[in-house]
Amino acid sequence: MTPQQDVDLAPFNTLALPGRAARYLAITAPGQLAATELAGSRRFVLGGGSNLVLTGDFDGLVLHMALQGKRLVKEDSEAYYIEAGAGESWPDFVQWTLRQGWPGLENLSLIPGTVGAAPIQNIGAYGLEVSERFHSLSAWDFKNRVLIDLDREACRFAYRDSLFKQQGWHLNGQLAIVSVVFRLPKAWTPILRYADLAQEFAARQSAAPTPLAIAAAVVAVRRRKLPDPAQTPNAGSFFHNPVVDAAGADALASRHPTLPRYLQPDGRYKLAAGWLIEQAGWKGKKLGPVGMYEKQALVLVNHGGATGTDVKRTMAAVQSDVKAAFAVELTPEPIFL
């Protein structure tokens, strides 16, 4: 229960950026969160570090959520309810649910990070967001010193957003997610509407879209397009896909006929940030040790020896060039600490 002092955080973020924590504690049991010595500390709750930009040293306490465990909580006529500890690897958890015969998360295969971080970011890929399979979560409230439960409505999910980001709870350490329950419907329907995924699936000549086959296709597409953080440090997709009103989308499309745009339920359009960045000349381009990946312009990579300052400088340059070319603002996805 005694935190380590002056701990190197470079191994705990997938961009491999330098930074040290004044104190560090791996959380392997929920009871650790109730410890008196944690109550008044400045805290940061760390998951897999796959959506994090370290900008320097952190003078508080880093709580590294390493809570394990996964189980079927219950099932009814419509769905399976699966619980997992916040520290479980997200890719491993998805594969485990599929092996158990509980489909529904296959489109989210191979997204780096932990189960506990998934609802914070409302992770999504290939036509599915985790909020669509979310049931509830348990979290430790440091201020009130109590374990609370939040359902889907309480989490206020939006595109790559949730109550946790809206309230800044991921930065001020007010809450620490302990476990998450997912609702996986028994009436399974394949989601293959994204072109890359549909093409990969068709190329595999599968007779029917099974959950495992779709998962394999998703993994193949991601491995082909995205760098392995162990080989090329990165934080995955670095910018949100911007959402603009219909008039703005029409104006852009008239000038750029190949612009990918996707109609949203509210009548606005989501634009492909990767396409905008590539058209602005940043695919494969570097600024010092940081650049945008040569196979996918949406991914910012550390070519070696980068700092948080280097990342912010490259980010600002990309944002400036995209705004100059398209009058569109790009917003970063990662958390900056």
C-alpha atoms as a PDB file:
ATOM      1  CA  MET A   1       0.000   0.000   0.000  1.00  0.00           C
ATOM      2  CA  THR A   2       2.988   2.345   0.188  1.00  0.00           C
ATOM      3  CA  PRO A   3       3.372   4.288  -3.088  1.00  0.00           C
ATOM      4  CA  GLN A   4       6.690   4.158  -4.899  1.00  0.00           C
ATOM      5  CA  GLN A   5       8.610   7.425  -5.122  1.00  0.00           C
ATOM      6  CA  ASP A   6       9.883   9.196  -8.279  1.00  0.00           C
ATOM      7  CA  VAL A   7       8.699   6.639 -10.841  1.00  0.00           C
ATOM      8  CA  ASP A   8       9.483   6.795 -14.566  1.00  0.00           C
ATOM      9  CA  LEU A   9       6.205   6.946 -16.542  1.00  0.00           C
ATOM     10  CA  ALA A  10       7.687   6.364 -20.010  1.00  0.00           C
ATOM     11  CA  PRO A  11       6.867   2.604 -19.889  1.00  0.00           C
ATOM     12  CA  PHE A  12       3.266   3.427 -18.990  1.00  0.00           C
ATOM     13  CA  ASN A  13       2.312   5.514 -22.049  1.00  0.00           C
ATOM     14  CA  THR A  14       2.236   4.166 -25.598  1.00  0.00           C
ATOM     15  CA  LEU A  15       3.823   7.347 -27.011  1.00  0.00           C
ATOM     16  CA  ALA A  16       6.855   6.532 -24.820  1.00  0.00           C
ATOM     17  CA  LEU A  17       7.122  10.156 -23.694  1.00  0.00           C
ATOM     18  CA  PRO A  18       9.344  11.017 -20.729  1.00  0.00           C
ATOM     19  CA  GLY A  19       7.895  12.056 -17.395  1.00  0.00           C
ATOM     20  CA  ARG A  20       8.129  11.056 -13.765  1.00  0.00           C
ATOM     21  CA  ALA A  21       5.518  10.649 -11.061  1.00  0.00           C
ATOM     22  CA  ALA A  22       6.326  11.936  -7.586  1.00  0.00           C
ATOM     23  CA  ARG A  23       4.396   8.914  -6.285  1.00  0.00           C
ATOM     24  CA  TYR A  24       3.006   5.822  -8.009  1.00  0.00           C
ATOM     25  CA  LEU A  25       0.761   3.014  -6.840  1.00  0.00           C
ATOM     26  CA  ALA A  26      -0.600   0.059  -8.815  1.00  0.00           C
ATOM     27  CA  ILE A  27      -4.201  -0.625  -7.773  1.00  0.00           C
ATOM     28  CA  THR A  28      -4.865  -4.364  -7.695  1.00  0.00           C
ATOM     29  CA  ALA A  29      -7.771  -4.405  -5.221  1.00  0.00           C
ATOM     30  CA  PRO A  30     -10.673  -1.928  -4.800  1.00  0.00           C
ATOM     31  CA  GLY A  31      -9.952  -1.596  -1.089  1.00  0.00           C
ATOM     32  CA  GLN A  32      -6.694   0.209  -1.845  1.00  0.00           C
ATOM     33  CA  LEU A  33      -8.676   3.192  -3.145  1.00  0.00           C
ATOM     34  CA  ALA A  34     -10.240   3.756   0.256  1.00  0.00           C
ATOM     35  CA  ALA A  35      -6.863   4.117   1.979  1.00  0.00           C
ATOM     36  CA  THR A  36      -6.599   7.252   4.108  1.00  0.00           C
ATOM     37  CA  GLU A  37      -3.274   8.372   2.630  1.00  0.00           C
ATOM     38  CA  LEU A  38      -4.832   8.645  -0.836  1.00  0.00           C
ATOM     39  CA  ALA A  39      -7.703  10.903   0.188  1.00  0.00           C
ATOM     40  CA  GLY A  40      -5.976  14.286   0.097  1.00  0.00           C
ATOM     41  CA  SER A  41      -3.415  13.717  -2.641  1.00  0.00           C
ATOM     42  CA  ARG A  42      -3.374  15.285  -6.072  1.00  0.00           C
ATOM     43  CA  ARG A  43      -4.127  12.252  -8.192  1.00  0.00           C
ATOM     44  CA  PHE A  44      -4.128  11.003 -11.752  1.00  0.00           C
ATOM     45  CA  VAL A  45      -5.883   7.747 -12.589  1.00  0.00           C
ATOM     46  CA  LEU A  46      -3.918   5.867 -15.254  1.00  0.00           C
ATOM     47  CA  GLY A  47      -5.183   3.049 -17.427  1.00  0.00           C
ATOM     48  CA  GLY A  48      -3.198   1.633 -20.339  1.00  0.00           C
ATOM     49  CA  GLY A  49      -1.658   4.981 -21.269  1.00  0.00           C
ATOM     50  CA  SER A  50      -2.769   4.583 -24.888  1.00  0.00           C
ATOM     51  CA  ASN A  51      -4.640   7.889 -24.934  1.00  0.00           C
ATOM     52  CA  LEU A  52      -2.189   9.996 -22.969  1.00  0.00           C
ATOM     53  CA  VAL A  53       0.327  12.744 -23.775  1.00  0.00           C
ATOM     54  CA  LEU A  54       2.807  13.333 -20.959  1.00  0.00           C
ATOM     55  CA  THR A  55       3.943  16.949 -20.988  1.00  0.00           C
ATOM     56  CA  GLY A  56       6.476  16.580 -18.156  1.00  0.00           C
ATOM     57  CA  ASP A  57       6.694  15.375 -14.583  1.00  0.00           C
ATOM     58  CA  PHE A  58       3.613  14.915 -12.382  1.00  0.00           C
ATOM     59  CA  ASP A  59       4.016  16.139  -8.822  1.00  0.00           C
ATOM     60  CA  GLY A  60       1.167  14.077  -7.390  1.00  0.00           C
ATOM     61  CA  LEU A  61       0.123  10.454  -7.070  1.00  0.00           C
ATOM     62  CA  VAL A  62      -0.442   8.257 -10.126  1.00  0.00           C
ATOM     63  CA  LEU A  63      -2.924   5.461  -9.462  1.00  0.00           C
ATOM     64  CA  HIS A  64      -2.353   2.772 -12.082  1.00  0.00           C
ATOM     65  CA  MET A  65      -5.561   0.748 -12.368  1.00  0.00           C
ATOM     66  CA  ALA A  66      -4.581  -2.919 -12.560  1.00  0.00           C
ATOM     67  CA  LEU A  67      -7.835  -4.491 -11.329  1.00  0.00           C
ATOM     68  CA  GLN A  68      -8.384  -7.848 -13.002  1.00  0.00           C
ATOM     69  CA  GLY A  69     -11.262 -10.287 -13.363  1.00  0.00           C
ATOM     70  CA  LYS A  70     -14.070 -10.952 -15.811  1.00  0.00           C
ATOM     71  CA  ARG A  71     -17.309 -12.885 -15.470  1.00  0.00           C
ATOM     72  CA  LEU A  72     -20.849 -13.393 -16.674  1.00  0.00           C
ATOM     73  CA  VAL A  73     -22.980 -11.469 -14.165  1.00  0.00           C
ATOM     74  CA  LYS A  74     -26.337 -12.616 -15.496  1.00  0.00           C
ATOM     75  CA  GLU A  75     -28.309 -13.243 -18.641  1.00  0.00           C
ATOM     76  CA  ASP A  76     -31.911 -12.784 -19.640  1.00  0.00           C
ATOM     77  CA  SER A  77     -33.904 -13.555 -22.761  1.00  0.00           C
ATOM     78  CA  GLU A  78     -32.373 -10.602 -24.587  1.00  0.00           C
ATOM     79  CA  ALA A  79     -28.746 -10.248 -23.524  1.00  0.00           C
ATOM     80  CA  TYR A  80     -25.651 -11.378 -21.661  1.00  0.00           C
ATOM     81  CA  TYR A  81     -24.277  -9.061 -18.968  1.00  0.00           C
ATOM     82  CA  ILE A  82     -20.496  -9.292 -18.678  1.00  0.00           C
ATOM     83  CA  GLU A  83     -18.390  -7.598 -15.985  1.00  0.00           C
ATOM     84  CA  ALA A  84     -14.659  -6.887 -16.241  1.00  0.00           C
ATOM     85  CA  GLY A  85     -12.139  -5.218 -13.965  1.00  0.00           C
ATOM     86  CA  ALA A  86     -10.901  -1.794 -14.986  1.00  0.00           C
ATOM     87  CA  GLY A  87      -7.350  -3.028 -15.483  1.00  0.00           C
ATOM     88  CA  GLU A  88      -8.207  -5.785 -17.934  1.00  0.00           C
ATOM     89  CA  SER A  89      -6.659  -5.381 -21.397  1.00  0.00           C
ATOM     90  CA  TRP A  90      -9.403  -4.251 -23.776  1.00  0.00           C
ATOM     91  CA  PRO A  91      -8.177  -6.314 -26.781  1.00  0.00           C
ATOM     92  CA  ASP A  92      -7.876  -9.433 -24.612  1.00  0.00           C
ATOM     93  CA  PHE A  93     -11.315  -8.859 -23.101  1.00  0.00           C
ATOM     94  CA  VAL A  94     -12.960  -8.570 -26.527  1.00  0.00           C
ATOM     95  CA  GLN A  95     -11.370 -11.815 -27.689  1.00  0.00           C
ATOM     96  CA  TRP A  96     -12.424 -13.554 -24.475  1.00  0.00           C
ATOM     97  CA  THR A  97     -16.079 -12.563 -24.893  1.00  0.00           C
ATOM     98  CA  LEU A  98     -16.055 -13.916 -28.442  1.00  0.00           C
ATOM     99  CA  ARG A  99     -14.526 -17.223 -27.352  1.00  0.00           C
ATOM    100  CA  GLN A 100     -17.272 -17.551 -24.729  1.00  0.00           C
ATOM    101  CA  GLY A 101     -19.922 -17.166 -27.423  1.00  0.00           C
ATOM    102  CA  TRP A 102     -20.959 -13.640 -26.382  1.00  0.00           C
ATOM    103  CA  PRO A 103     -20.678 -11.483 -29.538  1.00  0.00           C
ATOM    104  CA  GLY A 104     -21.181  -7.758 -29.866  1.00  0.00           C
ATOM    105  CA  LEU A 105     -17.755  -6.181 -29.345  1.00  0.00           C
ATOM    106  CA  GLU A 106     -15.995  -7.606 -32.417  1.00  0.00           C
ATOM    107  CA  ASN A 107     -15.874  -4.250 -34.272  1.00  0.00           C
ATOM    108  CA  LEU A 108     -13.859  -2.854 -31.356  1.00  0.00           C
ATOM    109  CA  SER A 109     -11.145  -5.513 -31.627  1.00  0.00           C
ATOM    110  CA  LEU A 110      -7.494  -4.554 -31.106  1.00  0.00           C
ATOM    111  CA  ILE A 111      -8.183  -1.045 -29.765  1.00  0.00           C
ATOM    112  CA  PRO A 112      -5.351  -0.498 -27.281  1.00  0.00           C
ATOM    113  CA  GLY A 113      -6.086   0.356 -23.675  1.00  0.00           C
ATOM    114  CA  THR A 114      -7.980  -1.024 -20.714  1.00  0.00           C
ATOM    115  CA  VAL A 115     -11.588  -1.838 -19.947  1.00  0.00           C
ATOM    116  CA  GLY A 116     -11.813   0.993 -17.422  1.00  0.00           C
ATOM    117  CA  ALA A 117     -10.687   3.577 -19.958  1.00  0.00           C
ATOM    118  CA  ALA A 118     -13.151   2.469 -22.642  1.00  0.00           C
ATOM    119  CA  PRO A 119     -16.230   4.344 -21.328  1.00  0.00           C
ATOM    120  CA  ILE A 120     -14.224   7.482 -20.490  1.00  0.00           C
ATOM    121  CA  GLN A 121     -13.313   7.969 -24.138  1.00  0.00           C
ATOM    122  CA  ASN A 122     -16.416   6.177 -25.449  1.00  0.00           C
ATOM    123  CA  ILE A 123     -14.096   4.303 -27.778  1.00  0.00           C
ATOM    124  CA  GLY A 124     -15.410   3.445 -31.207  1.00  0.00           C
ATOM    125  CA  ALA A 125     -14.426   1.924 -34.533  1.00  0.00           C
ATOM    126  CA  TYR A 126     -15.985   0.549 -37.708  1.00  0.00           C
ATOM    127  CA  GLY A 127     -19.531   1.623 -36.980  1.00  0.00           C
ATOM    128  CA  LEU A 128     -19.750   0.847 -33.262  1.00  0.00           C
ATOM    129  CA  GLU A 129     -19.217   2.834 -30.073  1.00  0.00           C
ATOM    130  CA  VAL A 130     -18.705   1.170 -26.705  1.00  0.00           C
ATOM    131  CA  SER A 131     -21.677   3.122 -25.317  1.00  0.00           C
ATOM    132  CA  GLU A 132     -23.932   0.939 -27.497  1.00  0.00           C
ATOM    133  CA  ARG A 133     -22.831  -2.127 -25.523  1.00  0.00           C
ATOM    134  CA  PHE A 134     -22.428  -0.420 -22.142  1.00  0.00           C
ATOM    135  CA  HIS A 135     -24.697  -1.278 -19.222  1.00  0.00           C
ATOM    136  CA  SER A 136     -23.155   0.227 -16.069  1.00  0.00           C
ATOM    137  CA  LEU A 137     -19.956   0.787 -14.124  1.00  0.00           C
ATOM    138  CA  SER A 138     -18.718   1.012 -10.554  1.00  0.00           C
ATOM    139  CA  ALA A 139     -16.324   3.768  -9.525  1.00  0.00           C
ATOM    140  CA  TRP A 140     -14.682   4.951  -6.338  1.00  0.00           C
ATOM    141  CA  ASP A 141     -15.633   8.524  -5.407  1.00  0.00           C
ATOM    142  CA  PHE A 142     -12.631   9.953  -3.537  1.00  0.00           C
ATOM    143  CA  LYS A 143     -14.456  13.054  -2.310  1.00  0.00           C
ATOM    144  CA  ASN A 144     -17.365  11.222  -0.732  1.00  0.00           C
ATOM    145  CA  ARG A 145     -15.372   8.049  -0.033  1.00  0.00           C
ATOM    146  CA  VAL A 146     -17.992   5.713  -1.433  1.00  0.00           C
ATOM    147  CA  LEU A 147     -18.351   3.279  -4.313  1.00  0.00           C
ATOM    148  CA  ILE A 148     -20.956   4.531  -6.797  1.00  0.00           C
ATOM    149  CA  ASP A 149     -22.742   2.916  -9.751  1.00  0.00           C
ATOM    150  CA  LEU A 150     -23.493   4.773 -12.969  1.00  0.00           C
ATOM    151  CA  ASP A 151     -25.766   3.538 -15.747  1.00  0.00           C
ATOM    152  CA  ARG A 152     -25.657   4.425 -19.421  1.00  0.00           C
ATOM    153  CA  GLU A 153     -27.821   7.535 -19.071  1.00  0.00           C
ATOM    154  CA  ALA A 154     -25.786   8.873 -16.160  1.00  0.00           C
ATOM    155  CA  CYS A 155     -22.552   8.590 -18.168  1.00  0.00           C
ATOM    156  CA  ARG A 156     -23.837  11.097 -20.781  1.00  0.00           C
ATOM    157  CA  PHE A 157     -22.071   9.481 -23.695  1.00  0.00           C
ATOM    158  CA  ALA A 158     -21.362  11.413 -26.885  1.00  0.00           C
ATOM    159  CA  TYR A 159     -18.928  11.057 -29.769  1.00  0.00           C
ATOM    160  CA  ARG A 160     -15.589  10.153 -28.093  1.00  0.00           C
ATOM    161  CA  ASP A 161     -16.927  11.786 -24.970  1.00  0.00           C
ATOM    162  CA  SER A 162     -18.556  11.025 -21.638  1.00  0.00           C
ATOM    163  CA  LEU A 163     -19.392  12.538 -18.265  1.00  0.00           C
ATOM    164  CA  PHE A 164     -15.869  11.698 -17.102  1.00  0.00           C
ATOM    165  CA  LYS A 165     -14.284  13.938 -19.727  1.00  0.00           C
ATOM    166  CA  GLN A 166     -16.983  16.608 -19.471  1.00  0.00           C
ATOM    167  CA  GLN A 167     -16.416  16.959 -15.730  1.00  0.00           C
ATOM    168  CA  GLY A 168     -12.645  16.651 -15.964  1.00  0.00           C
ATOM    169  CA  TRP A 169     -12.711  13.657 -13.646  1.00  0.00           C
ATOM    170  CA  HIS A 170      -9.989  11.953 -15.690  1.00  0.00           C
ATOM    171  CA  LEU A 171      -7.605  14.803 -14.833  1.00  0.00           C
ATOM    172  CA  ASN A 172      -8.508  15.741 -11.279  1.00  0.00           C
ATOM    173  CA  GLY A 173      -8.663  12.186  -9.990  1.00  0.00           C
ATOM    174  CA  GLN A 174     -12.110  12.592  -8.463  1.00  0.00           C
ATOM    175  CA  LEU A 175     -13.302   9.162  -9.600  1.00  0.00           C
ATOM    176  CA  ALA A 176     -11.567   5.879 -10.366  1.00  0.00           C
ATOM    177  CA  ILE A 177     -13.495   3.329 -12.413  1.00  0.00           C
ATOM    178  CA  VAL A 178     -13.282  -0.068 -10.729  1.00  0.00           C
ATOM    179  CA  SER A 179     -15.291  -2.319 -13.070  1.00  0.00           C
ATOM    180  CA  VAL A 180     -17.579  -2.121 -16.100  1.00  0.00           C
ATOM    181  CA  VAL A 181     -20.602  -4.210 -17.092  1.00  0.00           C
ATOM    182  CA  PHE A 182     -21.439  -4.649 -20.767  1.00  0.00           C
ATOM    183  CA  ARG A 183     -24.766  -5.691 -22.240  1.00  0.00           C
ATOM    184  CA  LEU A 184     -24.241  -7.958 -25.258  1.00  0.00           C
ATOM    185  CA  PRO A 185     -27.504  -8.642 -27.119  1.00  0.00           C
ATOM    186  CA  LYS A 186     -28.382 -12.228 -28.003  1.00  0.00           C
ATOM    187  CA  ALA A 187     -30.015 -11.038 -31.246  1.00  0.00           C
ATOM    188  CA  TRP A 188     -26.649 -10.404 -32.884  1.00  0.00           C
ATOM    189  CA  THR A 189     -26.442  -8.364 -36.082  1.00  0.00           C
ATOM    190  CA  PRO A 190     -23.196  -7.918 -38.053  1.00  0.00           C
ATOM    191  CA  ILE A 191     -21.943  -4.367 -38.634  1.00  0.00           C
ATOM    192  CA  LEU A 192     -20.075  -4.165 -41.942  1.00  0.00           C
ATOM    193  CA  ARG A 193     -21.022  -0.770 -43.290  1.00  0.00           C
ATOM    194  CA  TYR A 194     -17.498   0.722 -43.222  1.00  0.00           C
ATOM    195  CA  ALA A 195     -15.823   0.282 -46.611  1.00  0.00           C
ATOM    196  CA  ASP A 196     -12.421  -0.886 -45.315  1.00  0.00           C
ATOM    197  CA  LEU A 197     -14.017  -3.562 -43.165  1.00  0.00           C
ATOM    198  CA  ALA A 198     -16.487  -4.697 -45.833  1.00  0.00           C
ATOM    199  CA  GLN A 199     -13.682  -4.994 -48.398  1.00  0.00           C
ATOM    200  CA  GLU A 200     -11.445  -6.941 -46.025  1.00  0.00           C
ATOM    201  CA  PHE A 201     -14.286  -9.273 -45.138  1.00  0.00           C
ATOM    202  CA  ALA A 202     -15.171  -9.838 -48.800  1.00  0.00           C
ATOM    203  CA  ALA A 203     -11.525 -10.532 -49.640  1.00  0.00           C
ATOM    204  CA  ARG A 204     -11.499 -13.308 -47.056  1.00  0.00           C
ATOM    205  CA  GLN A 205     -14.363 -14.973 -48.967  1.00  0.00           C
ATOM    206  CA  SER A 206     -16.196 -15.859 -45.792  1.00  0.00           C
ATOM    207  CA  ALA A 207     -19.484 -17.604 -46.437  1.00  0.00           C
ATOM    208  CA  ALA A 208     -21.287 -15.747 -43.665  1.00  0.00           C
ATOM    209  CA  PRO A 209     -20.366 -12.884 -41.337  1.00  0.00           C
ATOM    210  CA  THR A 210     -19.720 -14.563 -37.998  1.00  0.00           C
ATOM    211  CA  PRO A 211     -18.521 -12.530 -34.983  1.00  0.00           C
ATOM    212  CA  LEU A 212     -15.109 -14.223 -35.011  1.00  0.00           C
ATOM    213  CA  ALA A 213     -14.722 -13.643 -38.757  1.00  0.00           C
ATOM    214  CA  ILE A 214     -15.549  -9.954 -38.368  1.00  0.00           C
ATOM    215  CA  ALA A 215     -13.107  -9.669 -35.473  1.00  0.00           C
ATOM    216  CA  ALA A 216     -10.382 -11.246 -37.597  1.00  0.00           C
ATOM    217  CA  ALA A 217     -11.129  -8.786 -40.409  1.00  0.00           C
ATOM    218  CA  VAL A 218     -10.995  -5.825 -38.023  1.00  0.00           C
ATOM    219  CA  VAL A 219      -7.669  -7.017 -36.623  1.00  0.00           C
ATOM    220  CA  ALA A 220      -6.246  -7.433 -40.129  1.00  0.00           C
ATOM    221  CA  VAL A 221      -7.324  -3.926 -41.186  1.00  0.00           C
ATOM    222  CA  ARG A 222      -5.971  -2.306 -38.026  1.00  0.00           C
ATOM    223  CA  ARG A 223      -2.643  -4.118 -38.260  1.00  0.00           C
ATOM    224  CA  ARG A 224      -2.266  -3.124 -41.890  1.00  0.00           C
ATOM    225  CA  LYS A 225      -3.066   0.555 -41.335  1.00  0.00           C
ATOM    226  CA  LEU A 226      -1.879   1.296 -37.798  1.00  0.00           C
ATOM    227  CA  PRO A 227       1.569   1.008 -36.214  1.00  0.00           C
ATOM    228  CA  ASP A 228       2.281  -1.326 -33.315  1.00  0.00           C
ATOM    229  CA  PRO A 229       3.075   0.927 -30.292  1.00  0.00           C
ATOM    230  CA  ALA A 230       5.758  -1.545 -29.226  1.00  0.00           C
ATOM    231  CA  GLN A 231       7.602  -0.856 -32.493  1.00  0.00           C
ATOM    232  CA  THR A 232       6.551   2.718 -33.278  1.00  0.00           C
ATOM    233  CA  PRO A 233       5.307   4.633 -30.220  1.00  0.00           C
ATOM    234  CA  ASN A 234       1.919   6.249 -30.873  1.00  0.00           C
ATOM    235  CA  ALA A 235      -1.435   7.026 -29.275  1.00  0.00           C
ATOM    236  CA  GLY A 236      -3.651   5.724 -32.067  1.00  0.00           C
ATOM    237  CA  SER A 237      -5.997   8.167 -33.778  1.00  0.00           C
ATOM    238  CA  PHE A 238      -4.803  11.529 -32.521  1.00  0.00           C
ATOM    239  CA  PHE A 239      -7.643  13.825 -33.634  1.00  0.00           C
ATOM    240  CA  HIS A 240     -11.409  13.612 -33.452  1.00  0.00           C
ATOM    241  CA  ASN A 241     -13.242  13.382 -36.741  1.00  0.00           C
ATOM    242  CA  PRO A 242     -14.734  16.899 -36.901  1.00  0.00           C
ATOM    243  CA  VAL A 243     -18.493  17.343 -37.136  1.00  0.00           C
ATOM    244  CA  VAL A 244     -19.814  20.286 -39.179  1.00  0.00           C
ATOM    245  CA  ASP A 245     -23.244  21.544 -40.162  1.00  0.00           C
ATOM    246  CA  ALA A 246     -24.810  20.527 -43.479  1.00  0.00           C
ATOM    247  CA  ALA A 247     -24.101  23.856 -45.144  1.00  0.00           C
ATOM    248  CA  GLY A 248     -20.443  23.679 -44.209  1.00  0.00           C
ATOM    249  CA  ALA A 249     -20.172  20.094 -45.429  1.00  0.00           C
ATOM    250  CA  ASP A 250     -21.834  20.986 -48.740  1.00  0.00           C
ATOM    251  CA  ALA A 251     -19.493  23.924 -49.245  1.00  0.00           C
ATOM    252  CA  LEU A 252     -16.440  21.769 -48.577  1.00  0.00           C
ATOM    253  CA  ALA A 253     -17.707  18.974 -50.838  1.00  0.00           C
ATOM    254  CA  SER A 254     -18.258  21.423 -53.708  1.00  0.00           C
ATOM    255  CA  ARG A 255     -14.585  22.377 -53.533  1.00  0.00           C
ATOM    256  CA  HIS A 256     -13.315  18.894 -52.682  1.00  0.00           C
ATOM    257  CA  PRO A 257     -15.561  16.270 -54.368  1.00  0.00           C
ATOM    258  CA  THR A 258     -13.702  13.301 -52.846  1.00  0.00           C
ATOM    259  CA  LEU A 259     -14.181  14.525 -49.266  1.00  0.00           C
ATOM    260  CA  PRO A 260     -15.458  11.642 -47.101  1.00  0.00           C
ATOM    261  CA  ARG A 261     -18.451  12.788 -45.047  1.00  0.00           C
ATOM    262  CA  TYR A 262     -20.984  10.875 -43.007  1.00  0.00           C
ATOM    263  CA  LEU A 263     -24.483  12.072 -42.170  1.00  0.00           C
ATOM    264  CA  GLN A 264     -25.216  12.135 -38.434  1.00  0.00           C
ATOM    265  CA  PRO A 265     -28.607  11.670 -36.710  1.00  0.00           C
ATOM    266  CA  ASP A 266     -28.799  15.404 -35.953  1.00  0.00           C
ATOM    267  CA  GLY A 267     -28.372  16.392 -39.609  1.00  0.00           C
ATOM    268  CA  ARG A 268     -24.726  17.394 -39.313  1.00  0.00           C
ATOM    269  CA  TYR A 269     -21.859  15.637 -41.057  1.00  0.00           C
ATOM    270  CA  LYS A 270     -18.800  13.920 -39.645  1.00  0.00           C
ATOM    271  CA  LEU A 271     -15.661  14.463 -41.729  1.00  0.00           C
ATOM    272  CA  ALA A 272     -12.675  12.144 -41.966  1.00  0.00           C
ATOM    273  CA  ALA A 273      -9.864  13.851 -40.056  1.00  0.00           C
ATOM    274  CA  GLY A 274      -7.282  11.540 -41.603  1.00  0.00           C
ATOM    275  CA  TRP A 275      -8.298  12.635 -45.101  1.00  0.00           C
ATOM    276  CA  LEU A 276      -8.087  16.306 -44.145  1.00  0.00           C
ATOM    277  CA  ILE A 277      -4.636  15.821 -42.625  1.00  0.00           C
ATOM    278  CA  GLU A 278      -3.394  13.899 -45.653  1.00  0.00           C
ATOM    279  CA  GLN A 279      -4.697  16.529 -48.061  1.00  0.00           C
ATOM    280  CA  ALA A 280      -2.941  19.187 -45.985  1.00  0.00           C
ATOM    281  CA  GLY A 281       0.339  17.412 -46.731  1.00  0.00           C
ATOM    282  CA  TRP A 282       1.006  15.758 -43.388  1.00  0.00           C
ATOM    283  CA  LYS A 283       0.845  12.057 -44.239  1.00  0.00           C
ATOM    284  CA  GLY A 284       4.330  10.735 -43.466  1.00  0.00           C
ATOM    285  CA  LYS A 285       5.613  14.229 -42.663  1.00  0.00           C
ATOM    286  CA  LYS A 286       7.742  14.878 -39.575  1.00  0.00           C
ATOM    287  CA  LEU A 287       8.485  17.912 -37.453  1.00  0.00           C
ATOM    288  CA  GLY A 288      11.551  16.957 -35.454  1.00  0.00           C
ATOM    289  CA  PRO A 289      11.030  13.554 -33.811  1.00  0.00           C
ATOM    290  CA  VAL A 290       7.225  13.629 -34.169  1.00  0.00           C
ATOM    291  CA  GLY A 291       5.173  13.115 -37.310  1.00  0.00           C
ATOM    292  CA  MET A 292       2.020  11.669 -38.814  1.00  0.00           C
ATOM    293  CA  TYR A 293       2.212   8.004 -39.791  1.00  0.00           C
ATOM    294  CA  GLU A 294       3.004   7.225 -43.422  1.00  0.00           C
ATOM    295  CA  LYS A 295       0.183   4.679 -43.727  1.00  0.00           C
ATOM    296  CA  GLN A 296      -2.495   6.582 -41.805  1.00  0.00           C
ATOM    297  CA  ALA A 297      -2.296  10.351 -41.497  1.00  0.00           C
ATOM    298  CA  LEU A 298      -4.553  10.399 -38.444  1.00  0.00           C
ATOM    299  CA  VAL A 299      -1.939   8.666 -36.284  1.00  0.00           C
ATOM    300  CA  LEU A 300       0.761  10.770 -34.615  1.00  0.00           C
ATOM    301  CA  VAL A 301       3.986   8.856 -33.957  1.00  0.00           C
ATOM    302  CA  ASN A 302       7.138   9.312 -31.914  1.00  0.00           C
ATOM    303  CA  HIS A 303      10.118   8.495 -34.139  1.00  0.00           C
ATOM    304  CA  GLY A 304      12.419   8.471 -31.123  1.00  0.00           C
ATOM    305  CA  GLY A 305      13.359  10.778 -28.292  1.00  0.00           C
ATOM    306  CA  ALA A 306      10.259  12.972 -28.442  1.00  0.00           C
ATOM    307  CA  THR A 307       8.900  14.959 -25.513  1.00  0.00           C
ATOM    308  CA  GLY A 308       5.436  16.253 -24.782  1.00  0.00           C
ATOM    309  CA  THR A 309       6.564  19.646 -26.096  1.00  0.00           C
ATOM    310  CA  ASP A 310       7.465  18.045 -29.429  1.00  0.00           C
ATOM    311  CA  VAL A 311       4.038  16.439 -29.630  1.00  0.00           C
ATOM    312  CA  LYS A 312       2.255  19.720 -28.911  1.00  0.00           C
ATOM    313  CA  ARG A 313       4.327  21.551 -31.533  1.00  0.00           C
ATOM    314  CA  THR A 314       3.491  18.999 -34.242  1.00  0.00           C
ATOM    315  CA  MET A 315      -0.152  18.926 -33.190  1.00  0.00           C
ATOM    316  CA  ALA A 316      -0.402  22.711 -33.492  1.00  0.00           C
ATOM    317  CA  ALA A 317       1.249  22.668 -36.922  1.00  0.00           C
ATOM    318  CA  VAL A 318      -1.188  20.051 -38.229  1.00  0.00           C
ATOM    319  CA  GLN A 319      -4.164  21.944 -36.813  1.00  0.00           C
ATOM    320  CA  SER A 320      -2.956  25.176 -38.401  1.00  0.00           C
ATOM    321  CA  ASP A 321      -2.475  23.637 -41.863  1.00  0.00           C
ATOM    322  CA  VAL A 322      -5.842  21.870 -41.836  1.00  0.00           C
ATOM    323  CA  LYS A 323      -7.598  25.056 -40.733  1.00  0.00           C
ATOM    324  CA  ALA A 324      -5.861  27.059 -43.463  1.00  0.00           C
ATOM    325  CA  ALA A 325      -6.836  24.532 -46.140  1.00  0.00           C
ATOM    326  CA  PHE A 326     -10.378  23.668 -45.041  1.00  0.00           C
ATOM    327  CA  ALA A 327     -11.430  26.166 -42.326  1.00  0.00           C
ATOM    328  CA  VAL A 328     -12.002  23.158 -40.052  1.00  0.00           C
ATOM    329  CA  GLU A 329     -10.790  22.930 -36.448  1.00  0.00           C
ATOM    330  CA  LEU A 330      -9.204  19.659 -35.343  1.00  0.00           C
ATOM    331  CA  THR A 331      -9.489  18.638 -31.701  1.00  0.00           C
ATOM    332  CA  PRO A 332      -7.026  16.160 -30.182  1.00  0.00           C
ATOM    333  CA  GLU A 333      -8.348  12.924 -28.674  1.00  0.00           C
ATOM    334  CA  PRO A 334      -5.682  12.203 -26.031  1.00  0.00           C
ATOM    335  CA  ILE A 335      -5.541  13.490 -22.493  1.00  0.00           C
ATOM    336  CA  PHE A 336      -2.654  15.872 -21.757  1.00  0.00           C
ATOM    337  CA  LEU A 337      -0.993  15.517 -18.365  1.00  0.00           C
END
